[in-house]
């Protein structure tokens, strides 16, 4: 059975997407995210979701792996849809009632639109983080920010923070899993009704918090022992190269996103 993995955890591989420079993947990812936040077209969201999932499932990644990493986002999508159905009704016609609660046309539209936006952002994030290591992402973010070194901005310190944040996602996930199994061995049950599972999950909060503090303290000592801050500019053992295939991928993906954005603009 495949082990569950954290959402967006890097999965090593040798697919064509893995071999692309991370900066080439960040360009369309940022553009899609911005366009998704400013558009009011549901057709754009649907088109981009289909494109992203097509790219995810045809990029050479294990399809079961992709599905397992996206599974946790399913509950957040349900929560988003439920929130808008309840609180975003507005002055629109009522379509039907559920247990005496009126579900309006506007509420359903808002629930569908914002759920699709959330799914799109998760798919974009997953494509980048599944196929790029945290160090590659940190380097890709650092590269264009080096111009700010002239005004004494601590670019490498900010990159280190980003790298640690990305690296701690799978570490904390493994920590939570280990503590959960330890609580089960001690007789704690996480099965049953939804309310019971929420109450049982509170038994994980304090141990996870203490484990996080302990790991952060160990990490601070490790960084200090490695001489962080003793040199003004760090060097790299491996350097990424933005070649012809990266330029082609970035150009085609940007052209596709821009074309879909303008084609799906709502008519006045």
C-alpha atoms as a PDB file:
ATOM      1  CA  UNK A   1       0.000   0.000   0.000  1.00  0.00           C
ATOM      2  CA  UNK A   2       1.279   3.445  -0.836  1.00  0.00           C
ATOM      3  CA  UNK A   3       2.281   5.535   2.114  1.00  0.00           C
ATOM      4  CA  UNK A   4       0.384   8.786   2.495  1.00  0.00           C
ATOM      5  CA  UNK A   5       2.527  11.817   1.809  1.00  0.00           C
ATOM      6  CA  UNK A   6       2.182  15.435   2.797  1.00  0.00           C
ATOM      7  CA  UNK A   7       0.576  17.859   0.404  1.00  0.00           C
ATOM      8  CA  UNK A   8       3.216  19.218  -1.937  1.00  0.00           C
ATOM      9  CA  UNK A   9       6.097  17.130  -0.583  1.00  0.00           C
ATOM     10  CA  UNK A  10       8.938  16.828  -3.113  1.00  0.00           C
ATOM     11  CA  UNK A  11       9.036  13.499  -4.917  1.00  0.00           C
ATOM     12  CA  UNK A  12      12.406  12.754  -6.573  1.00  0.00           C
ATOM     13  CA  UNK A  13      12.240  11.602 -10.172  1.00  0.00           C
ATOM     14  CA  UNK A  14      13.732  11.900 -13.631  1.00  0.00           C
ATOM     15  CA  UNK A  15      10.703  13.134 -15.579  1.00  0.00           C
ATOM     16  CA  UNK A  16      10.861  16.001 -18.058  1.00  0.00           C
ATOM     17  CA  UNK A  17       9.183  18.250 -15.494  1.00  0.00           C
ATOM     18  CA  UNK A  18      11.791  17.348 -12.857  1.00  0.00           C
ATOM     19  CA  UNK A  19      14.564  18.220 -15.280  1.00  0.00           C
ATOM     20  CA  UNK A  20      13.182  21.694 -15.984  1.00  0.00           C
ATOM     21  CA  UNK A  21      14.778  24.575 -14.144  1.00  0.00           C
ATOM     22  CA  UNK A  22      12.570  25.591 -11.223  1.00  0.00           C
ATOM     23  CA  UNK A  23      12.472  29.195 -12.444  1.00  0.00           C
ATOM     24  CA  UNK A  24      10.794  28.034 -15.659  1.00  0.00           C
ATOM     25  CA  UNK A  25       8.040  26.401 -13.589  1.00  0.00           C
ATOM     26  CA  UNK A  26       7.628  29.395 -11.300  1.00  0.00           C
ATOM     27  CA  UNK A  27       6.952  31.812 -14.178  1.00  0.00           C
ATOM     28  CA  UNK A  28       3.631  30.260 -15.326  1.00  0.00           C
ATOM     29  CA  UNK A  29       2.782  29.276 -11.728  1.00  0.00           C
ATOM     30  CA  UNK A  30       2.933  32.896 -10.572  1.00  0.00           C
ATOM     31  CA  UNK A  31       1.084  34.112 -13.676  1.00  0.00           C
ATOM     32  CA  UNK A  32      -1.718  31.559 -13.228  1.00  0.00           C
ATOM     33  CA  UNK A  33      -2.047  32.442  -9.539  1.00  0.00           C
ATOM     34  CA  UNK A  34      -2.321  36.168 -10.271  1.00  0.00           C
ATOM     35  CA  UNK A  35      -4.767  35.648 -13.138  1.00  0.00           C
ATOM     36  CA  UNK A  36      -6.876  33.329 -10.984  1.00  0.00           C
ATOM     37  CA  UNK A  37      -7.147  35.961  -8.252  1.00  0.00           C
ATOM     38  CA  UNK A  38      -8.203  38.809 -10.559  1.00  0.00           C
ATOM     39  CA  UNK A  39     -10.491  37.012 -13.002  1.00  0.00           C
ATOM     40  CA  UNK A  40     -14.222  36.676 -12.558  1.00  0.00           C
ATOM     41  CA  UNK A  41     -14.568  33.967 -15.185  1.00  0.00           C
ATOM     42  CA  UNK A  42     -15.390  30.486 -13.986  1.00  0.00           C
ATOM     43  CA  UNK A  43     -14.486  29.192 -17.447  1.00  0.00           C
ATOM     44  CA  UNK A  44     -10.898  30.398 -16.933  1.00  0.00           C
ATOM     45  CA  UNK A  45     -10.662  28.532 -13.637  1.00  0.00           C
ATOM     46  CA  UNK A  46     -12.019  25.327 -15.208  1.00  0.00           C
ATOM     47  CA  UNK A  47      -9.708  25.601 -18.234  1.00  0.00           C
ATOM     48  CA  UNK A  48      -6.635  26.116 -16.042  1.00  0.00           C
ATOM     49  CA  UNK A  49      -7.608  23.251 -13.725  1.00  0.00           C
ATOM     50  CA  UNK A  50      -7.956  20.894 -16.682  1.00  0.00           C
ATOM     51  CA  UNK A  51      -4.605  22.064 -18.003  1.00  0.00           C
ATOM     52  CA  UNK A  52      -2.844  21.689 -14.647  1.00  0.00           C
ATOM     53  CA  UNK A  53      -4.231  18.227 -13.958  1.00  0.00           C
ATOM     54  CA  UNK A  54      -3.391  17.136 -17.498  1.00  0.00           C
ATOM     55  CA  UNK A  55       0.164  18.319 -16.893  1.00  0.00           C
ATOM     56  CA  UNK A  56       0.305  16.594 -13.503  1.00  0.00           C
ATOM     57  CA  UNK A  57      -0.966  13.237 -14.737  1.00  0.00           C
ATOM     58  CA  UNK A  58       1.024  13.200 -17.999  1.00  0.00           C
ATOM     59  CA  UNK A  59       4.322  14.501 -16.648  1.00  0.00           C
ATOM     60  CA  UNK A  60       5.611  11.074 -15.635  1.00  0.00           C
ATOM     61  CA  UNK A  61       4.664  11.373 -11.960  1.00  0.00           C
ATOM     62  CA  UNK A  62       2.985   8.399 -10.337  1.00  0.00           C
ATOM     63  CA  UNK A  63      -0.758   9.033 -10.654  1.00  0.00           C
ATOM     64  CA  UNK A  64      -1.531   7.361  -7.334  1.00  0.00           C
ATOM     65  CA  UNK A  65       1.102   9.539  -5.713  1.00  0.00           C
ATOM     66  CA  UNK A  66      -0.386  12.714  -7.179  1.00  0.00           C
ATOM     67  CA  UNK A  67      -3.859  11.667  -6.048  1.00  0.00           C
ATOM     68  CA  UNK A  68      -2.659  10.930  -2.503  1.00  0.00           C
ATOM     69  CA  UNK A  69      -0.933  14.308  -2.174  1.00  0.00           C
ATOM     70  CA  UNK A  70      -4.040  16.171  -3.366  1.00  0.00           C
ATOM     71  CA  UNK A  71      -6.429  14.215  -1.144  1.00  0.00           C
ATOM     72  CA  UNK A  72      -6.023  16.467   1.956  1.00  0.00           C
ATOM     73  CA  UNK A  73      -7.134  19.484  -0.105  1.00  0.00           C
ATOM     74  CA  UNK A  74     -10.518  17.803  -0.712  1.00  0.00           C
ATOM     75  CA  UNK A  75     -11.709  18.620   2.818  1.00  0.00           C
ATOM     76  CA  UNK A  76     -10.606  22.248   2.492  1.00  0.00           C
ATOM     77  CA  UNK A  77     -12.577  22.532  -0.747  1.00  0.00           C
ATOM     78  CA  UNK A  78     -15.673  21.192   1.003  1.00  0.00           C
ATOM     79  CA  UNK A  79     -15.200  23.698   3.834  1.00  0.00           C
ATOM     80  CA  UNK A  80     -14.784  26.555   1.337  1.00  0.00           C
ATOM     81  CA  UNK A  81     -17.938  25.578  -0.547  1.00  0.00           C
ATOM     82  CA  UNK A  82     -19.969  25.197   2.671  1.00  0.00           C
ATOM     83  CA  UNK A  83     -18.801  28.592   3.928  1.00  0.00           C
ATOM     84  CA  UNK A  84     -19.937  30.404   0.768  1.00  0.00           C
ATOM     85  CA  UNK A  85     -23.246  28.547   0.626  1.00  0.00           C
ATOM     86  CA  UNK A  86     -24.018  29.727   4.165  1.00  0.00           C
ATOM     87  CA  UNK A  87     -22.589  33.247   4.186  1.00  0.00           C
ATOM     88  CA  UNK A  88     -22.526  34.413   0.548  1.00  0.00           C
ATOM     89  CA  UNK A  89     -26.167  34.136  -0.453  1.00  0.00           C
ATOM     90  CA  UNK A  90     -26.784  37.834  -1.197  1.00  0.00           C
ATOM     91  CA  UNK A  91     -29.989  39.115  -2.730  1.00  0.00           C
ATOM     92  CA  UNK A  92     -30.427  36.326  -5.274  1.00  0.00           C
ATOM     93  CA  UNK A  93     -33.312  33.939  -6.018  1.00  0.00           C
ATOM     94  CA  UNK A  94     -33.729  30.875  -3.817  1.00  0.00           C
ATOM     95  CA  UNK A  95     -33.230  27.617  -5.694  1.00  0.00           C
ATOM     96  CA  UNK A  96     -34.188  25.105  -3.008  1.00  0.00           C
ATOM     97  CA  UNK A  97     -34.218  24.555   0.742  1.00  0.00           C
ATOM     98  CA  UNK A  98     -32.307  22.066   2.863  1.00  0.00           C
ATOM     99  CA  UNK A  99     -33.597  21.498   6.411  1.00  0.00           C
ATOM    100  CA  UNK A 100     -35.306  24.872   6.257  1.00  0.00           C
ATOM    101  CA  UNK A 101     -32.181  26.652   5.033  1.00  0.00           C
ATOM    102  CA  UNK A 102     -32.533  28.526   1.735  1.00  0.00           C
ATOM    103  CA  UNK A 103     -29.826  27.862  -0.855  1.00  0.00           C
ATOM    104  CA  UNK A 104     -29.693  30.755  -3.300  1.00  0.00           C
ATOM    105  CA  UNK A 105     -28.351  31.022  -6.825  1.00  0.00           C
ATOM    106  CA  UNK A 106     -25.650  33.468  -5.773  1.00  0.00           C
ATOM    107  CA  UNK A 107     -24.485  31.216  -2.944  1.00  0.00           C
ATOM    108  CA  UNK A 108     -24.044  28.249  -5.275  1.00  0.00           C
ATOM    109  CA  UNK A 109     -22.155  30.363  -7.808  1.00  0.00           C
ATOM    110  CA  UNK A 110     -19.821  31.760  -5.150  1.00  0.00           C
ATOM    111  CA  UNK A 111     -19.251  28.299  -3.673  1.00  0.00           C
ATOM    112  CA  UNK A 112     -18.405  26.809  -7.076  1.00  0.00           C
ATOM    113  CA  UNK A 113     -16.215  29.729  -8.181  1.00  0.00           C
ATOM    114  CA  UNK A 114     -14.092  29.988  -5.040  1.00  0.00           C
ATOM    115  CA  UNK A 115     -13.801  26.215  -4.718  1.00  0.00           C
ATOM    116  CA  UNK A 116     -12.480  26.051  -8.293  1.00  0.00           C
ATOM    117  CA  UNK A 117     -10.042  28.878  -7.531  1.00  0.00           C
ATOM    118  CA  UNK A 118      -8.807  27.006  -4.477  1.00  0.00           C
ATOM    119  CA  UNK A 119      -8.383  23.763  -6.455  1.00  0.00           C
ATOM    120  CA  UNK A 120      -6.428  25.627  -9.145  1.00  0.00           C
ATOM    121  CA  UNK A 121      -4.043  27.203  -6.637  1.00  0.00           C
ATOM    122  CA  UNK A 122      -3.476  23.820  -4.955  1.00  0.00           C
ATOM    123  CA  UNK A 123      -2.767  22.198  -8.347  1.00  0.00           C
ATOM    124  CA  UNK A 124      -0.268  24.924  -9.268  1.00  0.00           C
ATOM    125  CA  UNK A 125       1.462  24.605  -5.896  1.00  0.00           C
ATOM    126  CA  UNK A 126       1.565  20.819  -6.190  1.00  0.00           C
ATOM    127  CA  UNK A 127       3.128  20.844  -9.655  1.00  0.00           C
ATOM    128  CA  UNK A 128       6.002  23.054  -8.496  1.00  0.00           C
ATOM    129  CA  UNK A 129       6.644  21.448  -5.116  1.00  0.00           C
ATOM    130  CA  UNK A 130       6.243  17.834  -6.245  1.00  0.00           C
ATOM    131  CA  UNK A 131       8.857  18.226  -8.977  1.00  0.00           C
ATOM    132  CA  UNK A 132      11.269  20.711  -7.355  1.00  0.00           C
ATOM    133  CA  UNK A 133      13.338  20.200  -4.224  1.00  0.00           C
ATOM    134  CA  UNK A 134      13.130  22.843  -1.469  1.00  0.00           C
ATOM    135  CA  UNK A 135      16.712  23.906  -2.185  1.00  0.00           C
ATOM    136  CA  UNK A 136      15.894  24.390  -5.894  1.00  0.00           C
ATOM    137  CA  UNK A 137      12.834  26.475  -5.021  1.00  0.00           C
ATOM    138  CA  UNK A 138      14.847  28.580  -2.592  1.00  0.00           C
ATOM    139  CA  UNK A 139      17.548  29.149  -5.217  1.00  0.00           C
ATOM    140  CA  UNK A 140      14.934  30.007  -7.861  1.00  0.00           C
ATOM    141  CA  UNK A 141      13.442  32.637  -5.550  1.00  0.00           C
ATOM    142  CA  UNK A 142      16.871  33.982  -4.566  1.00  0.00           C
ATOM    143  CA  UNK A 143      18.130  34.408  -8.114  1.00  0.00           C
ATOM    144  CA  UNK A 144      15.906  37.353  -9.176  1.00  0.00           C
ATOM    145  CA  UNK A 145      16.146  38.949  -5.718  1.00  0.00           C
ATOM    146  CA  UNK A 146      19.910  39.366  -5.817  1.00  0.00           C
ATOM    147  CA  UNK A 147      19.511  42.839  -7.282  1.00  0.00           C
ATOM    148  CA  UNK A 148      18.266  43.951  -3.847  1.00  0.00           C
ATOM    149  CA  UNK A 149      21.641  43.132  -2.288  1.00  0.00           C
ATOM    150  CA  UNK A 150      22.785  46.578  -3.428  1.00  0.00           C
ATOM    151  CA  UNK A 151      20.443  48.133  -0.848  1.00  0.00           C
ATOM    152  CA  UNK A 152      21.666  45.730   1.855  1.00  0.00           C
ATOM    153  CA  UNK A 153      18.543  43.565   1.856  1.00  0.00           C
ATOM    154  CA  UNK A 154      19.304  40.183   3.549  1.00  0.00           C
ATOM    155  CA  UNK A 155      18.338  38.081   0.532  1.00  0.00           C
ATOM    156  CA  UNK A 156      20.119  34.917   1.662  1.00  0.00           C
ATOM    157  CA  UNK A 157      18.607  35.092   5.141  1.00  0.00           C
ATOM    158  CA  UNK A 158      15.135  35.362   3.609  1.00  0.00           C
ATOM    159  CA  UNK A 159      15.948  32.405   1.351  1.00  0.00           C
ATOM    160  CA  UNK A 160      17.076  30.360   4.336  1.00  0.00           C
ATOM    161  CA  UNK A 161      13.764  31.051   6.063  1.00  0.00           C
ATOM    162  CA  UNK A 162      11.885  29.958   2.932  1.00  0.00           C
ATOM    163  CA  UNK A 163      13.973  26.811   2.609  1.00  0.00           C
ATOM    164  CA  UNK A 164      13.390  25.828   6.256  1.00  0.00           C
ATOM    165  CA  UNK A 165       9.650  26.459   5.934  1.00  0.00           C
ATOM    166  CA  UNK A 166       9.441  24.174   2.895  1.00  0.00           C
ATOM    167  CA  UNK A 167      11.647  21.543   4.503  1.00  0.00           C
ATOM    168  CA  UNK A 168       9.634  21.495   7.718  1.00  0.00           C
ATOM    169  CA  UNK A 169       6.373  20.552   5.972  1.00  0.00           C
ATOM    170  CA  UNK A 170       7.245  16.843   5.480  1.00  0.00           C
ATOM    171  CA  UNK A 171       9.136  16.766   8.802  1.00  0.00           C
ATOM    172  CA  UNK A 172       6.119  18.003  10.752  1.00  0.00           C
ATOM    173  CA  UNK A 173       3.863  15.633   8.841  1.00  0.00           C
ATOM    174  CA  UNK A 174       6.047  12.677   9.841  1.00  0.00           C
ATOM    175  CA  UNK A 175       6.151  13.984  13.426  1.00  0.00           C
ATOM    176  CA  UNK A 176       2.353  14.178  13.609  1.00  0.00           C
ATOM    177  CA  UNK A 177       2.042  10.672  12.142  1.00  0.00           C
ATOM    178  CA  UNK A 178       4.530   9.215  14.639  1.00  0.00           C
ATOM    179  CA  UNK A 179       2.827  10.888  17.619  1.00  0.00           C
ATOM    180  CA  UNK A 180      -0.584   9.752  16.399  1.00  0.00           C
ATOM    181  CA  UNK A 181       0.567   6.131  16.209  1.00  0.00           C
ATOM    182  CA  UNK A 182       2.123   6.466  19.665  1.00  0.00           C
ATOM    183  CA  UNK A 183      -1.181   7.688  21.067  1.00  0.00           C
ATOM    184  CA  UNK A 184      -3.027   4.806  19.411  1.00  0.00           C
ATOM    185  CA  UNK A 185      -0.598   2.331  21.050  1.00  0.00           C
ATOM    186  CA  UNK A 186      -1.420   3.970  24.386  1.00  0.00           C
ATOM    187  CA  UNK A 187      -5.132   3.311  23.852  1.00  0.00           C
ATOM    188  CA  UNK A 188      -6.271   6.541  22.216  1.00  0.00           C
ATOM    189  CA  UNK A 189      -8.924   6.059  19.515  1.00  0.00           C
ATOM    190  CA  UNK A 190      -9.214   8.431  16.580  1.00  0.00           C
ATOM    191  CA  UNK A 191     -12.201   6.615  15.082  1.00  0.00           C
ATOM    192  CA  UNK A 192     -15.869   7.378  15.604  1.00  0.00           C
ATOM    193  CA  UNK A 193     -17.947  10.475  15.043  1.00  0.00           C
ATOM    194  CA  UNK A 194     -16.560  13.712  13.672  1.00  0.00           C
ATOM    195  CA  UNK A 195     -16.837  15.445  17.061  1.00  0.00           C
ATOM    196  CA  UNK A 196     -15.003  12.574  18.781  1.00  0.00           C
ATOM    197  CA  UNK A 197     -12.184  12.713  16.225  1.00  0.00           C
ATOM    198  CA  UNK A 198     -11.815  16.466  16.743  1.00  0.00           C
ATOM    199  CA  UNK A 199     -11.602  15.995  20.508  1.00  0.00           C
ATOM    200  CA  UNK A 200      -9.132  13.126  20.141  1.00  0.00           C
ATOM    201  CA  UNK A 201      -6.951  15.232  17.864  1.00  0.00           C
ATOM    202  CA  UNK A 202      -6.372  17.708  20.696  1.00  0.00           C
ATOM    203  CA  UNK A 203      -4.132  15.047  22.241  1.00  0.00           C
ATOM    204  CA  UNK A 204      -1.708  15.692  19.381  1.00  0.00           C
ATOM    205  CA  UNK A 205      -1.418  19.458  19.830  1.00  0.00           C
ATOM    206  CA  UNK A 206       0.921  19.671  22.834  1.00  0.00           C
ATOM    207  CA  UNK A 207       3.302  16.837  21.789  1.00  0.00           C
ATOM    208  CA  UNK A 208       3.590  18.250  18.257  1.00  0.00           C
ATOM    209  CA  UNK A 209       4.194  21.752  19.624  1.00  0.00           C
ATOM    210  CA  UNK A 210       6.951  20.539  21.958  1.00  0.00           C
ATOM    211  CA  UNK A 211       8.531  18.430  19.198  1.00  0.00           C
ATOM    212  CA  UNK A 212       8.514  21.457  16.878  1.00  0.00           C
ATOM    213  CA  UNK A 213      10.238  23.635  19.488  1.00  0.00           C
ATOM    214  CA  UNK A 214      12.845  20.924  20.063  1.00  0.00           C
ATOM    215  CA  UNK A 215      13.539  20.565  16.329  1.00  0.00           C
ATOM    216  CA  UNK A 216      13.757  24.337  15.904  1.00  0.00           C
ATOM    217  CA  UNK A 217      16.305  24.526  18.731  1.00  0.00           C
ATOM    218  CA  UNK A 218      18.380  21.720  17.176  1.00  0.00           C
ATOM    219  CA  UNK A 219      18.195  23.436  13.789  1.00  0.00           C
ATOM    220  CA  UNK A 220      19.393  26.743  15.251  1.00  0.00           C
ATOM    221  CA  UNK A 221      22.412  24.999  16.812  1.00  0.00           C
ATOM    222  CA  UNK A 222      23.168  23.202  13.523  1.00  0.00           C
ATOM    223  CA  UNK A 223      23.030  26.462  11.543  1.00  0.00           C
ATOM    224  CA  UNK A 224      25.300  28.181  14.055  1.00  0.00           C
ATOM    225  CA  UNK A 225      27.756  25.253  14.022  1.00  0.00           C
ATOM    226  CA  UNK A 226      28.003  25.503  10.230  1.00  0.00           C
ATOM    227  CA  UNK A 227      29.090  29.119  10.441  1.00  0.00           C
ATOM    228  CA  UNK A 228      26.012  30.793   9.025  1.00  0.00           C
ATOM    229  CA  UNK A 229      26.610  34.516   8.683  1.00  0.00           C
ATOM    230  CA  UNK A 230      30.402  34.332   8.732  1.00  0.00           C
ATOM    231  CA  UNK A 231      30.659  34.966   4.979  1.00  0.00           C
ATOM    232  CA  UNK A 232      29.002  37.726   2.984  1.00  0.00           C
ATOM    233  CA  UNK A 233      28.174  35.594  -0.060  1.00  0.00           C
ATOM    234  CA  UNK A 234      27.671  31.858  -0.167  1.00  0.00           C
ATOM    235  CA  UNK A 235      28.739  29.540  -2.969  1.00  0.00           C
ATOM    236  CA  UNK A 236      26.875  26.617  -4.581  1.00  0.00           C
ATOM    237  CA  UNK A 237      28.042  23.117  -5.405  1.00  0.00           C
ATOM    238  CA  UNK A 238      25.431  22.777  -8.163  1.00  0.00           C
ATOM    239  CA  UNK A 239      24.045  25.618 -10.248  1.00  0.00           C
ATOM    240  CA  UNK A 240      20.862  25.472 -12.284  1.00  0.00           C
ATOM    241  CA  UNK A 241      20.885  26.405 -15.955  1.00  0.00           C
ATOM    242  CA  UNK A 242      18.090  28.228 -17.760  1.00  0.00           C
ATOM    243  CA  UNK A 243      18.465  26.732 -21.222  1.00  0.00           C
ATOM    244  CA  UNK A 244      16.504  26.518 -24.455  1.00  0.00           C
ATOM    245  CA  UNK A 245      13.915  24.053 -23.158  1.00  0.00           C
ATOM    246  CA  UNK A 246      13.202  26.323 -20.172  1.00  0.00           C
ATOM    247  CA  UNK A 247      12.719  29.339 -22.416  1.00  0.00           C
ATOM    248  CA  UNK A 248      10.409  27.312 -24.682  1.00  0.00           C
ATOM    249  CA  UNK A 249       8.358  25.981 -21.759  1.00  0.00           C
ATOM    250  CA  UNK A 250       8.047  29.416 -20.155  1.00  0.00           C
ATOM    251  CA  UNK A 251       7.070  31.094 -23.439  1.00  0.00           C
ATOM    252  CA  UNK A 252       4.467  28.490 -24.439  1.00  0.00           C
ATOM    253  CA  UNK A 253       2.918  28.290 -20.960  1.00  0.00           C
ATOM    254  CA  UNK A 254       2.701  32.078 -20.606  1.00  0.00           C
ATOM    255  CA  UNK A 255       1.196  32.413 -24.087  1.00  0.00           C
ATOM    256  CA  UNK A 256      -1.364  29.714 -23.258  1.00  0.00           C
ATOM    257  CA  UNK A 257      -2.388  31.339 -19.971  1.00  0.00           C
ATOM    258  CA  UNK A 258      -2.695  34.807 -21.503  1.00  0.00           C
ATOM    259  CA  UNK A 259      -4.734  33.464 -24.438  1.00  0.00           C
ATOM    260  CA  UNK A 260      -7.139  31.564 -22.173  1.00  0.00           C
ATOM    261  CA  UNK A 261      -7.481  34.580 -19.887  1.00  0.00           C
ATOM    262  CA  UNK A 262      -8.563  36.914 -22.691  1.00  0.00           C
ATOM    263  CA  UNK A 263     -10.724  34.310 -24.418  1.00  0.00           C
ATOM    264  CA  UNK A 264     -12.675  33.658 -21.224  1.00  0.00           C
ATOM    265  CA  UNK A 265     -13.241  37.313 -20.252  1.00  0.00           C
ATOM    266  CA  UNK A 266     -16.947  37.855 -19.579  1.00  0.00           C
ATOM    267  CA  UNK A 267     -18.704  40.017 -22.150  1.00  0.00           C
ATOM    268  CA  UNK A 268     -19.968  43.378 -20.982  1.00  0.00           C
END
